N, C-alpha and C. Protein backbone atom coordinates (compact mmCIF):
# COMPACT_ATOMS: atom_id res chain seq x y z
N MET A 1 32.75 -121.93 33.22
CA MET A 1 33.61 -121.50 32.14
C MET A 1 32.80 -120.78 31.08
N GLN A 2 31.66 -121.34 30.85
CA GLN A 2 30.79 -120.70 29.87
C GLN A 2 30.33 -119.35 30.38
N LEU A 3 30.06 -119.21 31.58
CA LEU A 3 29.59 -117.97 32.17
C LEU A 3 30.68 -116.94 32.10
N ARG A 4 31.91 -117.35 32.27
CA ARG A 4 33.00 -116.40 32.22
C ARG A 4 33.19 -115.87 30.83
N SER A 5 33.03 -116.72 29.88
CA SER A 5 33.23 -116.23 28.51
C SER A 5 32.10 -115.31 28.08
N ARG A 6 30.99 -115.47 28.70
CA ARG A 6 29.87 -114.62 28.31
C ARG A 6 29.81 -113.36 29.15
N LEU A 7 30.52 -113.30 30.14
CA LEU A 7 30.45 -112.17 31.06
C LEU A 7 30.77 -110.85 30.37
N PRO A 8 31.81 -110.78 29.57
CA PRO A 8 32.07 -109.50 28.95
C PRO A 8 30.90 -109.09 28.06
N SER A 9 30.26 -110.03 27.40
CA SER A 9 29.13 -109.68 26.53
C SER A 9 27.97 -109.18 27.36
N LEU A 10 27.75 -109.84 28.49
CA LEU A 10 26.63 -109.44 29.33
C LEU A 10 26.89 -108.04 29.91
N LEU A 11 28.11 -107.82 30.23
CA LEU A 11 28.43 -106.51 30.78
C LEU A 11 28.20 -105.42 29.72
N ALA A 12 28.59 -105.73 28.52
CA ALA A 12 28.40 -104.75 27.44
C ALA A 12 26.93 -104.49 27.21
N VAL A 13 26.11 -105.58 27.26
CA VAL A 13 24.66 -105.41 27.02
C VAL A 13 24.06 -104.63 28.17
N THR A 14 24.51 -104.91 29.38
CA THR A 14 23.95 -104.23 30.55
C THR A 14 24.30 -102.76 30.51
N LEU A 15 25.51 -102.46 30.16
CA LEU A 15 25.89 -101.05 30.08
C LEU A 15 25.10 -100.35 28.97
N TRP A 16 24.97 -101.10 27.96
CA TRP A 16 24.23 -100.48 26.84
C TRP A 16 22.79 -100.24 27.23
N ALA A 17 22.19 -101.13 27.97
CA ALA A 17 20.80 -101.00 28.38
C ALA A 17 20.63 -99.85 29.37
N CYS A 18 21.67 -99.55 30.12
CA CYS A 18 21.55 -98.47 31.11
C CYS A 18 21.79 -97.09 30.50
N THR A 19 22.26 -97.06 29.30
CA THR A 19 22.52 -95.77 28.67
C THR A 19 21.19 -95.15 28.27
N THR A 20 20.95 -93.90 28.64
CA THR A 20 19.71 -93.19 28.29
C THR A 20 19.91 -92.46 26.98
N ILE A 21 19.00 -92.74 26.13
CA ILE A 21 19.03 -92.07 24.83
C ILE A 21 18.18 -90.81 24.97
N THR A 22 18.77 -89.67 24.67
CA THR A 22 18.01 -88.40 24.73
C THR A 22 18.01 -87.74 23.36
N GLU A 23 16.88 -87.26 22.98
CA GLU A 23 16.75 -86.51 21.72
C GLU A 23 16.28 -85.11 22.07
N GLU A 24 16.87 -84.19 21.38
CA GLU A 24 16.43 -82.81 21.61
C GLU A 24 15.19 -82.53 20.79
N GLN A 25 14.23 -81.95 21.44
CA GLN A 25 13.00 -81.55 20.75
C GLN A 25 13.30 -80.32 19.89
N PRO A 26 12.65 -80.20 18.73
CA PRO A 26 12.87 -78.99 17.92
C PRO A 26 12.41 -77.76 18.69
N GLY A 27 13.20 -76.73 18.64
CA GLY A 27 12.87 -75.50 19.36
C GLY A 27 11.72 -74.74 18.68
N ARG A 28 10.96 -73.96 19.48
CA ARG A 28 9.86 -73.14 18.93
C ARG A 28 10.44 -71.82 18.42
N ARG A 29 9.85 -71.37 17.34
CA ARG A 29 10.30 -70.08 16.83
C ARG A 29 9.76 -68.93 17.67
N ASN A 30 8.53 -69.07 18.13
CA ASN A 30 7.92 -68.04 18.97
C ASN A 30 7.66 -68.68 20.33
N PRO A 31 8.55 -68.48 21.24
CA PRO A 31 8.35 -69.13 22.53
C PRO A 31 7.10 -68.62 23.22
N VAL A 32 6.41 -69.50 23.91
CA VAL A 32 5.20 -69.15 24.65
C VAL A 32 5.62 -68.49 25.95
N PRO A 33 5.07 -67.32 26.25
CA PRO A 33 5.44 -66.68 27.50
C PRO A 33 4.97 -67.52 28.67
N THR A 34 5.76 -67.47 29.68
CA THR A 34 5.45 -68.29 30.85
C THR A 34 4.57 -67.55 31.84
N GLY A 35 4.57 -66.23 31.79
CA GLY A 35 3.77 -65.47 32.75
C GLY A 35 2.34 -65.31 32.24
N PRO A 36 1.50 -64.62 33.01
CA PRO A 36 0.12 -64.39 32.54
C PRO A 36 0.11 -63.44 31.35
N GLY A 37 -0.77 -63.68 30.35
CA GLY A 37 -0.87 -62.87 29.13
C GLY A 37 -1.64 -61.59 29.37
N PRO A 38 -1.74 -60.73 28.31
CA PRO A 38 -2.49 -59.49 28.48
C PRO A 38 -3.98 -59.77 28.68
N ILE A 39 -4.57 -58.98 29.49
CA ILE A 39 -6.00 -59.13 29.77
C ILE A 39 -6.77 -58.36 28.72
N PRO A 40 -7.72 -58.99 28.01
CA PRO A 40 -8.48 -58.26 26.99
C PRO A 40 -9.38 -57.22 27.64
N VAL A 41 -9.51 -56.06 26.96
CA VAL A 41 -10.36 -54.96 27.46
C VAL A 41 -11.60 -54.92 26.58
N ILE A 42 -12.75 -54.96 27.19
CA ILE A 42 -14.02 -54.92 26.47
C ILE A 42 -14.65 -53.56 26.76
N VAL A 43 -14.98 -52.81 25.67
CA VAL A 43 -15.59 -51.48 25.81
C VAL A 43 -17.08 -51.63 25.58
N VAL A 44 -17.86 -51.22 26.55
CA VAL A 44 -19.31 -51.27 26.46
C VAL A 44 -19.83 -49.84 26.47
N PRO A 45 -20.55 -49.38 25.38
CA PRO A 45 -21.08 -48.01 25.39
C PRO A 45 -22.15 -47.85 26.47
N VAL A 46 -22.05 -46.75 27.17
CA VAL A 46 -23.02 -46.46 28.23
C VAL A 46 -23.78 -45.21 27.82
N PRO A 47 -25.12 -45.28 27.68
CA PRO A 47 -25.88 -44.08 27.32
C PRO A 47 -25.81 -43.03 28.42
N VAL A 48 -25.68 -41.75 27.98
CA VAL A 48 -25.62 -40.65 28.94
C VAL A 48 -27.00 -40.03 29.00
N PRO A 49 -27.62 -40.02 30.14
CA PRO A 49 -28.97 -39.44 30.22
C PRO A 49 -28.92 -37.93 30.05
N ASN A 50 -29.92 -37.40 29.33
CA ASN A 50 -30.07 -35.96 29.12
C ASN A 50 -28.82 -35.31 28.54
N ALA A 51 -28.26 -35.98 27.54
CA ALA A 51 -27.07 -35.41 26.90
C ALA A 51 -27.48 -34.15 26.15
N PRO A 52 -26.71 -33.06 26.23
CA PRO A 52 -27.09 -31.82 25.53
C PRO A 52 -26.99 -32.00 24.03
N THR A 53 -27.98 -31.43 23.32
CA THR A 53 -27.97 -31.44 21.86
C THR A 53 -26.99 -30.40 21.37
N PRO A 54 -26.12 -30.78 20.40
CA PRO A 54 -25.17 -29.76 19.91
C PRO A 54 -25.90 -28.59 19.27
N THR A 55 -25.45 -27.40 19.58
CA THR A 55 -26.04 -26.18 19.04
C THR A 55 -25.33 -25.80 17.76
N PRO A 56 -26.10 -25.55 16.65
CA PRO A 56 -25.42 -25.13 15.42
C PRO A 56 -24.73 -23.79 15.61
N ALA A 57 -23.67 -23.60 14.83
CA ALA A 57 -22.91 -22.35 14.92
C ALA A 57 -23.79 -21.18 14.52
N ALA A 58 -23.63 -20.10 15.23
CA ALA A 58 -24.43 -18.91 14.96
C ALA A 58 -24.00 -18.27 13.65
N THR A 59 -24.98 -17.75 12.90
CA THR A 59 -24.68 -17.04 11.66
C THR A 59 -24.18 -15.65 12.02
N PRO A 60 -23.00 -15.26 11.49
CA PRO A 60 -22.49 -13.94 11.87
C PRO A 60 -23.39 -12.83 11.35
N THR A 61 -23.55 -11.83 12.17
CA THR A 61 -24.35 -10.67 11.79
C THR A 61 -23.49 -9.76 10.92
N PRO A 62 -24.01 -9.36 9.73
CA PRO A 62 -23.19 -8.49 8.88
C PRO A 62 -22.87 -7.17 9.55
N ASP A 63 -21.67 -6.70 9.31
CA ASP A 63 -21.22 -5.44 9.86
C ASP A 63 -21.84 -4.30 9.05
N PRO A 64 -22.67 -3.46 9.68
CA PRO A 64 -23.32 -2.39 8.91
C PRO A 64 -22.31 -1.44 8.27
N ALA A 65 -21.13 -1.30 8.88
CA ALA A 65 -20.12 -0.40 8.30
C ALA A 65 -19.54 -0.98 7.03
N ALA A 66 -19.50 -2.33 6.92
CA ALA A 66 -18.91 -2.98 5.75
C ALA A 66 -19.89 -3.07 4.59
N THR A 67 -21.18 -3.13 4.89
CA THR A 67 -22.19 -3.26 3.83
C THR A 67 -22.92 -1.94 3.69
N PRO A 68 -22.85 -1.31 2.52
CA PRO A 68 -23.56 -0.05 2.38
C PRO A 68 -25.07 -0.25 2.43
N ALA A 69 -25.73 0.63 3.13
CA ALA A 69 -27.19 0.54 3.23
C ALA A 69 -27.80 1.01 1.92
N PRO A 70 -28.95 0.43 1.55
CA PRO A 70 -29.59 0.90 0.33
C PRO A 70 -30.03 2.35 0.50
N ALA A 71 -30.01 3.06 -0.60
CA ALA A 71 -30.38 4.48 -0.55
C ALA A 71 -31.86 4.59 -0.20
N PRO A 72 -32.21 5.50 0.67
CA PRO A 72 -33.63 5.66 1.01
C PRO A 72 -34.38 6.21 -0.19
N PRO A 73 -35.68 5.90 -0.28
CA PRO A 73 -36.45 6.45 -1.39
C PRO A 73 -36.44 7.96 -1.34
N GLN A 74 -36.37 8.58 -2.50
CA GLN A 74 -36.27 10.03 -2.56
C GLN A 74 -37.39 10.57 -3.43
N GLY A 75 -38.09 11.54 -2.91
CA GLY A 75 -39.11 12.22 -3.69
C GLY A 75 -40.09 11.25 -4.33
N PRO A 76 -40.63 11.60 -5.49
CA PRO A 76 -41.57 10.72 -6.17
C PRO A 76 -40.88 9.42 -6.55
N SER A 77 -41.55 8.30 -6.34
CA SER A 77 -40.93 7.01 -6.65
C SER A 77 -40.81 6.83 -8.15
N ALA A 78 -39.77 6.06 -8.52
CA ALA A 78 -39.57 5.78 -9.94
C ALA A 78 -40.67 4.86 -10.43
N GLN A 79 -41.16 5.14 -11.61
CA GLN A 79 -42.18 4.30 -12.21
C GLN A 79 -41.64 3.73 -13.50
N SER A 80 -42.25 2.65 -13.94
CA SER A 80 -41.83 2.11 -15.22
C SER A 80 -42.61 2.78 -16.34
N CYS A 81 -42.00 2.79 -17.51
CA CYS A 81 -42.63 3.43 -18.65
C CYS A 81 -43.88 2.65 -19.06
N PRO A 82 -45.03 3.32 -19.21
CA PRO A 82 -46.25 2.61 -19.58
C PRO A 82 -46.31 2.25 -21.07
N LEU A 83 -45.38 2.76 -21.85
CA LEU A 83 -45.40 2.52 -23.30
C LEU A 83 -44.47 1.37 -23.68
N PRO A 84 -44.81 0.63 -24.75
CA PRO A 84 -43.89 -0.40 -25.24
C PRO A 84 -42.67 0.26 -25.88
N ALA A 85 -41.67 -0.56 -26.18
CA ALA A 85 -40.45 -0.03 -26.82
C ALA A 85 -40.79 0.55 -28.19
N GLY A 86 -40.11 1.64 -28.53
CA GLY A 86 -40.32 2.26 -29.84
C GLY A 86 -39.68 1.43 -30.95
N THR A 87 -40.06 1.75 -32.19
CA THR A 87 -39.56 1.00 -33.34
C THR A 87 -38.50 1.75 -34.13
N GLY A 88 -38.18 2.98 -33.73
CA GLY A 88 -37.20 3.78 -34.47
C GLY A 88 -35.78 3.28 -34.26
N ALA A 89 -34.91 3.68 -35.20
CA ALA A 89 -33.50 3.29 -35.12
C ALA A 89 -32.65 4.40 -34.50
N GLY A 90 -33.24 5.56 -34.23
CA GLY A 90 -32.50 6.68 -33.67
C GLY A 90 -31.63 7.38 -34.70
N THR A 91 -31.96 7.22 -35.99
CA THR A 91 -31.16 7.84 -37.05
C THR A 91 -31.88 9.03 -37.67
N ASP A 92 -33.20 9.08 -37.60
CA ASP A 92 -33.96 10.21 -38.15
C ASP A 92 -34.30 11.14 -37.00
N CYS A 93 -33.32 11.97 -36.62
CA CYS A 93 -33.47 12.80 -35.42
C CYS A 93 -33.05 14.25 -35.72
N PRO A 94 -33.88 15.02 -36.40
CA PRO A 94 -33.53 16.41 -36.71
C PRO A 94 -33.75 17.33 -35.50
N PHE A 95 -33.09 18.48 -35.56
CA PHE A 95 -33.28 19.52 -34.55
C PHE A 95 -34.51 20.31 -34.96
N VAL A 96 -35.59 20.21 -34.17
CA VAL A 96 -36.82 20.95 -34.47
C VAL A 96 -37.18 21.84 -33.29
N SER A 97 -38.03 21.38 -32.40
CA SER A 97 -38.34 22.14 -31.18
C SER A 97 -38.67 21.16 -30.06
N PRO A 98 -38.33 21.50 -28.83
CA PRO A 98 -38.55 20.58 -27.72
C PRO A 98 -40.01 20.47 -27.33
N SER A 99 -40.43 19.26 -27.00
CA SER A 99 -41.81 19.03 -26.53
C SER A 99 -41.88 18.85 -25.02
N PHE A 100 -40.75 18.57 -24.37
CA PHE A 100 -40.77 18.23 -22.94
C PHE A 100 -39.80 19.09 -22.12
N LEU A 101 -39.48 20.27 -22.60
CA LEU A 101 -38.51 21.11 -21.90
C LEU A 101 -38.98 21.47 -20.49
N LYS A 102 -40.26 21.75 -20.33
CA LYS A 102 -40.81 22.09 -19.01
C LYS A 102 -40.62 20.92 -18.02
N GLU A 103 -40.88 19.69 -18.47
CA GLU A 103 -40.73 18.50 -17.61
C GLU A 103 -39.26 18.23 -17.27
N VAL A 104 -38.38 18.44 -18.24
CA VAL A 104 -36.95 18.23 -18.00
C VAL A 104 -36.45 19.26 -16.98
N GLU A 105 -36.83 20.51 -17.14
CA GLU A 105 -36.41 21.55 -16.19
C GLU A 105 -36.91 21.25 -14.77
N ALA A 106 -38.15 20.79 -14.67
CA ALA A 106 -38.71 20.47 -13.35
C ALA A 106 -37.92 19.31 -12.71
N ALA A 107 -37.54 18.32 -13.50
CA ALA A 107 -36.77 17.18 -12.97
C ALA A 107 -35.37 17.62 -12.54
N LEU A 108 -34.75 18.53 -13.30
CA LEU A 108 -33.42 19.03 -12.93
C LEU A 108 -33.48 19.80 -11.61
N THR A 109 -34.48 20.62 -11.44
CA THR A 109 -34.65 21.37 -10.19
C THR A 109 -34.91 20.42 -9.02
N ALA A 110 -35.74 19.40 -9.24
CA ALA A 110 -36.09 18.45 -8.18
C ALA A 110 -34.88 17.62 -7.74
N VAL A 111 -34.05 17.19 -8.68
CA VAL A 111 -32.91 16.35 -8.30
C VAL A 111 -31.90 17.13 -7.47
N VAL A 112 -31.73 18.41 -7.74
CA VAL A 112 -30.83 19.24 -6.93
C VAL A 112 -31.41 19.44 -5.53
N ALA A 113 -32.72 19.67 -5.45
CA ALA A 113 -33.36 19.86 -4.15
C ALA A 113 -33.31 18.59 -3.30
N GLU A 114 -33.50 17.45 -3.93
CA GLU A 114 -33.48 16.17 -3.21
C GLU A 114 -32.09 15.77 -2.75
N ASN A 115 -31.09 16.00 -3.61
CA ASN A 115 -29.75 15.49 -3.37
C ASN A 115 -28.68 16.58 -3.54
N PRO A 116 -28.68 17.58 -2.69
CA PRO A 116 -27.70 18.66 -2.86
C PRO A 116 -26.26 18.18 -2.73
N GLN A 117 -26.05 17.04 -2.04
CA GLN A 117 -24.69 16.50 -1.87
C GLN A 117 -24.11 15.96 -3.18
N TRP A 118 -24.93 15.78 -4.20
CA TRP A 118 -24.45 15.30 -5.50
C TRP A 118 -23.85 16.44 -6.33
N PHE A 119 -23.92 17.67 -5.81
CA PHE A 119 -23.51 18.85 -6.57
C PHE A 119 -22.61 19.75 -5.74
N ASP A 120 -21.77 20.53 -6.42
CA ASP A 120 -21.03 21.59 -5.75
C ASP A 120 -21.82 22.87 -6.00
N LEU A 121 -22.61 23.26 -5.01
CA LEU A 121 -23.52 24.39 -5.17
C LEU A 121 -22.80 25.73 -5.16
N THR A 122 -21.49 25.72 -4.93
CA THR A 122 -20.72 26.97 -4.97
C THR A 122 -20.14 27.21 -6.36
N LYS A 123 -20.24 26.22 -7.26
CA LYS A 123 -19.68 26.37 -8.60
C LYS A 123 -20.79 26.19 -9.64
N THR A 124 -20.89 27.18 -10.52
CA THR A 124 -21.88 27.10 -11.60
C THR A 124 -21.19 27.37 -12.92
N ARG A 125 -21.86 26.96 -13.98
CA ARG A 125 -21.33 27.20 -15.32
C ARG A 125 -21.67 28.62 -15.73
N GLY A 126 -20.76 29.31 -16.38
CA GLY A 126 -20.95 30.71 -16.76
C GLY A 126 -22.28 30.95 -17.48
N GLY A 127 -22.99 31.98 -17.03
CA GLY A 127 -24.24 32.39 -17.68
C GLY A 127 -25.45 31.61 -17.19
N CYS A 128 -25.30 30.66 -16.29
CA CYS A 128 -26.43 29.86 -15.79
C CYS A 128 -26.27 29.72 -14.28
N GLU A 129 -27.12 30.44 -13.53
CA GLU A 129 -26.95 30.46 -12.08
C GLU A 129 -27.31 29.16 -11.37
N ASN A 130 -28.06 28.24 -12.02
CA ASN A 130 -28.39 26.96 -11.38
C ASN A 130 -27.85 25.76 -12.17
N CYS A 131 -26.81 25.98 -12.97
CA CYS A 131 -26.12 24.89 -13.67
C CYS A 131 -24.91 24.50 -12.83
N TYR A 132 -25.18 23.74 -11.77
CA TYR A 132 -24.15 23.40 -10.78
C TYR A 132 -23.19 22.34 -11.29
N ARG A 133 -22.01 22.35 -10.66
CA ARG A 133 -21.02 21.29 -10.95
C ARG A 133 -21.56 19.99 -10.37
N VAL A 134 -21.52 18.90 -11.16
CA VAL A 134 -22.06 17.60 -10.75
C VAL A 134 -20.93 16.75 -10.15
N LEU A 135 -21.14 16.29 -8.91
CA LEU A 135 -20.15 15.46 -8.23
C LEU A 135 -20.46 13.96 -8.38
N ARG A 136 -21.73 13.63 -8.60
CA ARG A 136 -22.15 12.23 -8.75
C ARG A 136 -22.91 12.08 -10.07
N PRO A 137 -22.19 12.05 -11.19
CA PRO A 137 -22.87 12.06 -12.49
C PRO A 137 -23.80 10.87 -12.73
N ASP A 138 -23.39 9.66 -12.34
CA ASP A 138 -24.24 8.49 -12.60
C ASP A 138 -25.57 8.60 -11.85
N GLN A 139 -25.50 8.96 -10.57
CA GLN A 139 -26.74 9.10 -9.79
C GLN A 139 -27.60 10.24 -10.36
N TYR A 140 -26.95 11.31 -10.74
CA TYR A 140 -27.67 12.48 -11.28
C TYR A 140 -28.50 12.13 -12.51
N VAL A 141 -27.86 11.56 -13.53
CA VAL A 141 -28.60 11.30 -14.78
C VAL A 141 -29.66 10.21 -14.59
N THR A 142 -29.37 9.22 -13.72
CA THR A 142 -30.35 8.16 -13.46
C THR A 142 -31.57 8.72 -12.76
N ARG A 143 -31.35 9.57 -11.77
CA ARG A 143 -32.48 10.13 -11.03
C ARG A 143 -33.31 11.07 -11.88
N VAL A 144 -32.70 11.84 -12.76
CA VAL A 144 -33.49 12.72 -13.65
C VAL A 144 -34.41 11.86 -14.52
N ALA A 145 -33.90 10.76 -15.07
CA ALA A 145 -34.74 9.88 -15.90
C ALA A 145 -35.88 9.30 -15.08
N GLU A 146 -35.61 8.97 -13.80
CA GLU A 146 -36.67 8.43 -12.94
C GLU A 146 -37.74 9.49 -12.68
N LEU A 147 -37.30 10.73 -12.43
CA LEU A 147 -38.26 11.79 -12.13
C LEU A 147 -39.11 12.15 -13.35
N ILE A 148 -38.57 11.99 -14.54
CA ILE A 148 -39.33 12.25 -15.78
C ILE A 148 -40.42 11.20 -15.97
N THR A 149 -40.12 9.96 -15.58
CA THR A 149 -41.02 8.83 -15.86
C THR A 149 -42.19 8.82 -14.90
N ARG A 150 -43.24 9.54 -15.26
CA ARG A 150 -44.50 9.56 -14.51
C ARG A 150 -45.54 10.31 -15.32
N ASP A 151 -46.77 10.10 -14.95
CA ASP A 151 -47.90 10.77 -15.62
C ASP A 151 -47.90 10.54 -17.13
N GLY A 152 -47.56 9.31 -17.55
CA GLY A 152 -47.62 8.97 -18.97
C GLY A 152 -46.39 9.37 -19.77
N ILE A 153 -45.39 10.00 -19.13
CA ILE A 153 -44.16 10.39 -19.81
C ILE A 153 -43.06 9.40 -19.42
N CYS A 154 -42.21 9.05 -20.37
CA CYS A 154 -41.12 8.11 -20.12
C CYS A 154 -39.78 8.80 -20.34
N GLY A 155 -38.84 8.56 -19.41
CA GLY A 155 -37.49 9.08 -19.54
C GLY A 155 -36.48 7.94 -19.53
N HIS A 156 -35.43 8.08 -20.31
CA HIS A 156 -34.39 7.04 -20.38
C HIS A 156 -33.05 7.72 -20.70
N TYR A 157 -32.03 7.45 -19.88
CA TYR A 157 -30.70 7.99 -20.14
C TYR A 157 -29.90 6.93 -20.88
N ASP A 158 -29.43 7.25 -22.07
CA ASP A 158 -28.77 6.25 -22.92
C ASP A 158 -27.25 6.23 -22.78
N GLY A 159 -26.73 6.95 -21.80
CA GLY A 159 -25.28 7.02 -21.61
C GLY A 159 -24.70 8.33 -22.10
N GLU A 160 -25.44 9.03 -22.96
CA GLU A 160 -25.01 10.35 -23.46
C GLU A 160 -26.09 11.39 -23.33
N GLU A 161 -27.33 10.99 -23.60
CA GLU A 161 -28.43 11.96 -23.59
C GLU A 161 -29.65 11.36 -22.90
N LEU A 162 -30.53 12.27 -22.47
CA LEU A 162 -31.80 11.88 -21.88
C LEU A 162 -32.85 11.85 -22.98
N ALA A 163 -33.46 10.68 -23.18
CA ALA A 163 -34.54 10.54 -24.17
C ALA A 163 -35.87 10.61 -23.43
N VAL A 164 -36.84 11.36 -23.99
CA VAL A 164 -38.14 11.55 -23.35
C VAL A 164 -39.24 11.36 -24.39
N LYS A 165 -40.31 10.63 -24.01
CA LYS A 165 -41.44 10.43 -24.92
C LYS A 165 -42.73 10.29 -24.12
N ASN A 166 -43.86 10.52 -24.78
CA ASN A 166 -45.18 10.20 -24.23
C ASN A 166 -46.02 9.46 -25.27
N THR A 167 -45.37 9.11 -26.37
CA THR A 167 -45.96 8.33 -27.45
C THR A 167 -44.80 7.66 -28.19
N ASN A 168 -45.09 6.64 -28.96
CA ASN A 168 -44.03 6.01 -29.75
C ASN A 168 -43.88 6.66 -31.13
N ALA A 169 -44.65 7.72 -31.38
CA ALA A 169 -44.52 8.43 -32.65
C ALA A 169 -43.20 9.20 -32.71
N PHE A 170 -42.72 9.69 -31.54
CA PHE A 170 -41.45 10.45 -31.51
C PHE A 170 -40.90 10.46 -30.09
N ASN A 171 -39.64 10.85 -29.98
CA ASN A 171 -39.05 11.15 -28.66
C ASN A 171 -38.07 12.31 -28.84
N ASP A 172 -37.92 13.11 -27.77
CA ASP A 172 -36.94 14.19 -27.75
C ASP A 172 -35.65 13.69 -27.10
N GLN A 173 -34.54 14.30 -27.50
CA GLN A 173 -33.23 14.02 -26.92
C GLN A 173 -32.74 15.29 -26.24
N TYR A 174 -32.27 15.15 -24.96
CA TYR A 174 -31.76 16.28 -24.18
C TYR A 174 -30.37 15.92 -23.65
N ASP A 175 -29.44 16.86 -23.76
CA ASP A 175 -28.10 16.68 -23.20
C ASP A 175 -28.05 17.48 -21.91
N ILE A 176 -28.17 16.79 -20.78
CA ILE A 176 -28.31 17.46 -19.48
C ILE A 176 -27.01 17.49 -18.68
N PHE A 177 -25.88 17.07 -19.31
CA PHE A 177 -24.61 16.99 -18.59
C PHE A 177 -23.50 17.45 -19.53
N THR A 178 -22.82 18.55 -19.16
CA THR A 178 -21.80 19.10 -20.05
C THR A 178 -20.51 18.27 -19.97
N SER A 179 -19.68 18.42 -20.98
CA SER A 179 -18.42 17.67 -21.02
C SER A 179 -17.47 18.08 -19.89
N ASP A 180 -17.64 19.30 -19.36
CA ASP A 180 -16.77 19.73 -18.26
C ASP A 180 -17.43 19.50 -16.89
N GLY A 181 -18.55 18.72 -16.85
CA GLY A 181 -19.10 18.26 -15.59
C GLY A 181 -20.15 19.11 -14.92
N TYR A 182 -20.92 19.89 -15.68
CA TYR A 182 -21.96 20.74 -15.11
C TYR A 182 -23.34 20.33 -15.63
N ILE A 183 -24.38 20.76 -14.90
CA ILE A 183 -25.75 20.58 -15.39
C ILE A 183 -25.94 21.47 -16.62
N ARG A 184 -26.54 20.92 -17.66
CA ARG A 184 -26.93 21.75 -18.82
C ARG A 184 -28.43 21.90 -18.75
N ARG A 185 -28.93 23.16 -18.86
CA ARG A 185 -30.35 23.44 -18.67
C ARG A 185 -30.93 24.28 -19.81
N GLN A 186 -32.23 24.50 -19.68
CA GLN A 186 -33.03 25.35 -20.55
C GLN A 186 -32.93 24.90 -22.01
N PHE A 187 -33.13 25.83 -22.91
CA PHE A 187 -33.21 25.45 -24.32
C PHE A 187 -31.89 24.83 -24.83
N GLY A 188 -30.78 25.17 -24.19
CA GLY A 188 -29.49 24.62 -24.60
C GLY A 188 -29.38 23.11 -24.39
N SER A 189 -30.26 22.54 -23.57
CA SER A 189 -30.19 21.09 -23.33
C SER A 189 -30.87 20.29 -24.44
N TYR A 190 -31.80 20.92 -25.17
CA TYR A 190 -32.50 20.20 -26.25
C TYR A 190 -31.54 19.92 -27.41
N ARG A 191 -31.57 18.68 -27.96
CA ARG A 191 -30.69 18.30 -29.05
C ARG A 191 -31.42 17.93 -30.33
N SER A 192 -32.47 17.12 -30.22
CA SER A 192 -33.15 16.67 -31.45
C SER A 192 -34.45 15.97 -31.10
N THR A 193 -35.21 15.65 -32.14
CA THR A 193 -36.44 14.85 -32.01
C THR A 193 -36.37 13.72 -33.00
N CYS A 194 -36.52 12.48 -32.49
CA CYS A 194 -36.41 11.28 -33.33
C CYS A 194 -37.81 10.76 -33.66
N ARG A 195 -38.02 10.42 -34.94
CA ARG A 195 -39.29 9.85 -35.40
C ARG A 195 -39.05 8.56 -36.16
N PRO A 196 -39.70 7.48 -35.74
CA PRO A 196 -40.46 7.26 -34.51
C PRO A 196 -39.52 7.15 -33.32
N ALA A 197 -40.12 7.01 -32.12
CA ALA A 197 -39.30 6.90 -30.90
C ALA A 197 -38.39 5.67 -30.98
N TRP A 198 -37.17 5.82 -30.55
CA TRP A 198 -36.20 4.70 -30.65
C TRP A 198 -36.17 3.83 -29.38
N PHE A 199 -36.74 4.32 -28.27
CA PHE A 199 -36.69 3.53 -27.01
C PHE A 199 -38.08 3.22 -26.52
């Protein structure tokens, strides 16, 4: 009788004991892959025998047509003035008489002979058969000053006139280029004498 009354309790305990309690494990946020993972790649530098040395870039050769060649030396070489600079202001310059007319004329003749392309030899100024039209005025006046500067004489073109000296006591001024573009020669080229020399 006692066993019968306890039977329902025993059955309940037995059923309860047979019940499997399962708990779910917390899920992973980043699931682990089940297959094989990536294989790491290891790079090992391998020396290359007899590797060529890089050649520096070649320097370009200048185009002779693009760069003007320096002018070849012409006639007597230019010399520097052997005298120091003069102390004059260029204000005491009366018209007296030329001291270097012969040297100026020789330089004018020489520059035409050396560089005929600087002149239009078919055009002359009235009354002067060798007062040619000047095509290259800058080269002309510079070269005349260079040709004057030798044998103790100094020539300098100041932008308007040719100054000539062989001492610092005085210098002559010559206008060797007319306003209409011709050579000015002979006594008409002499302008004044400055005392003391200004250059």
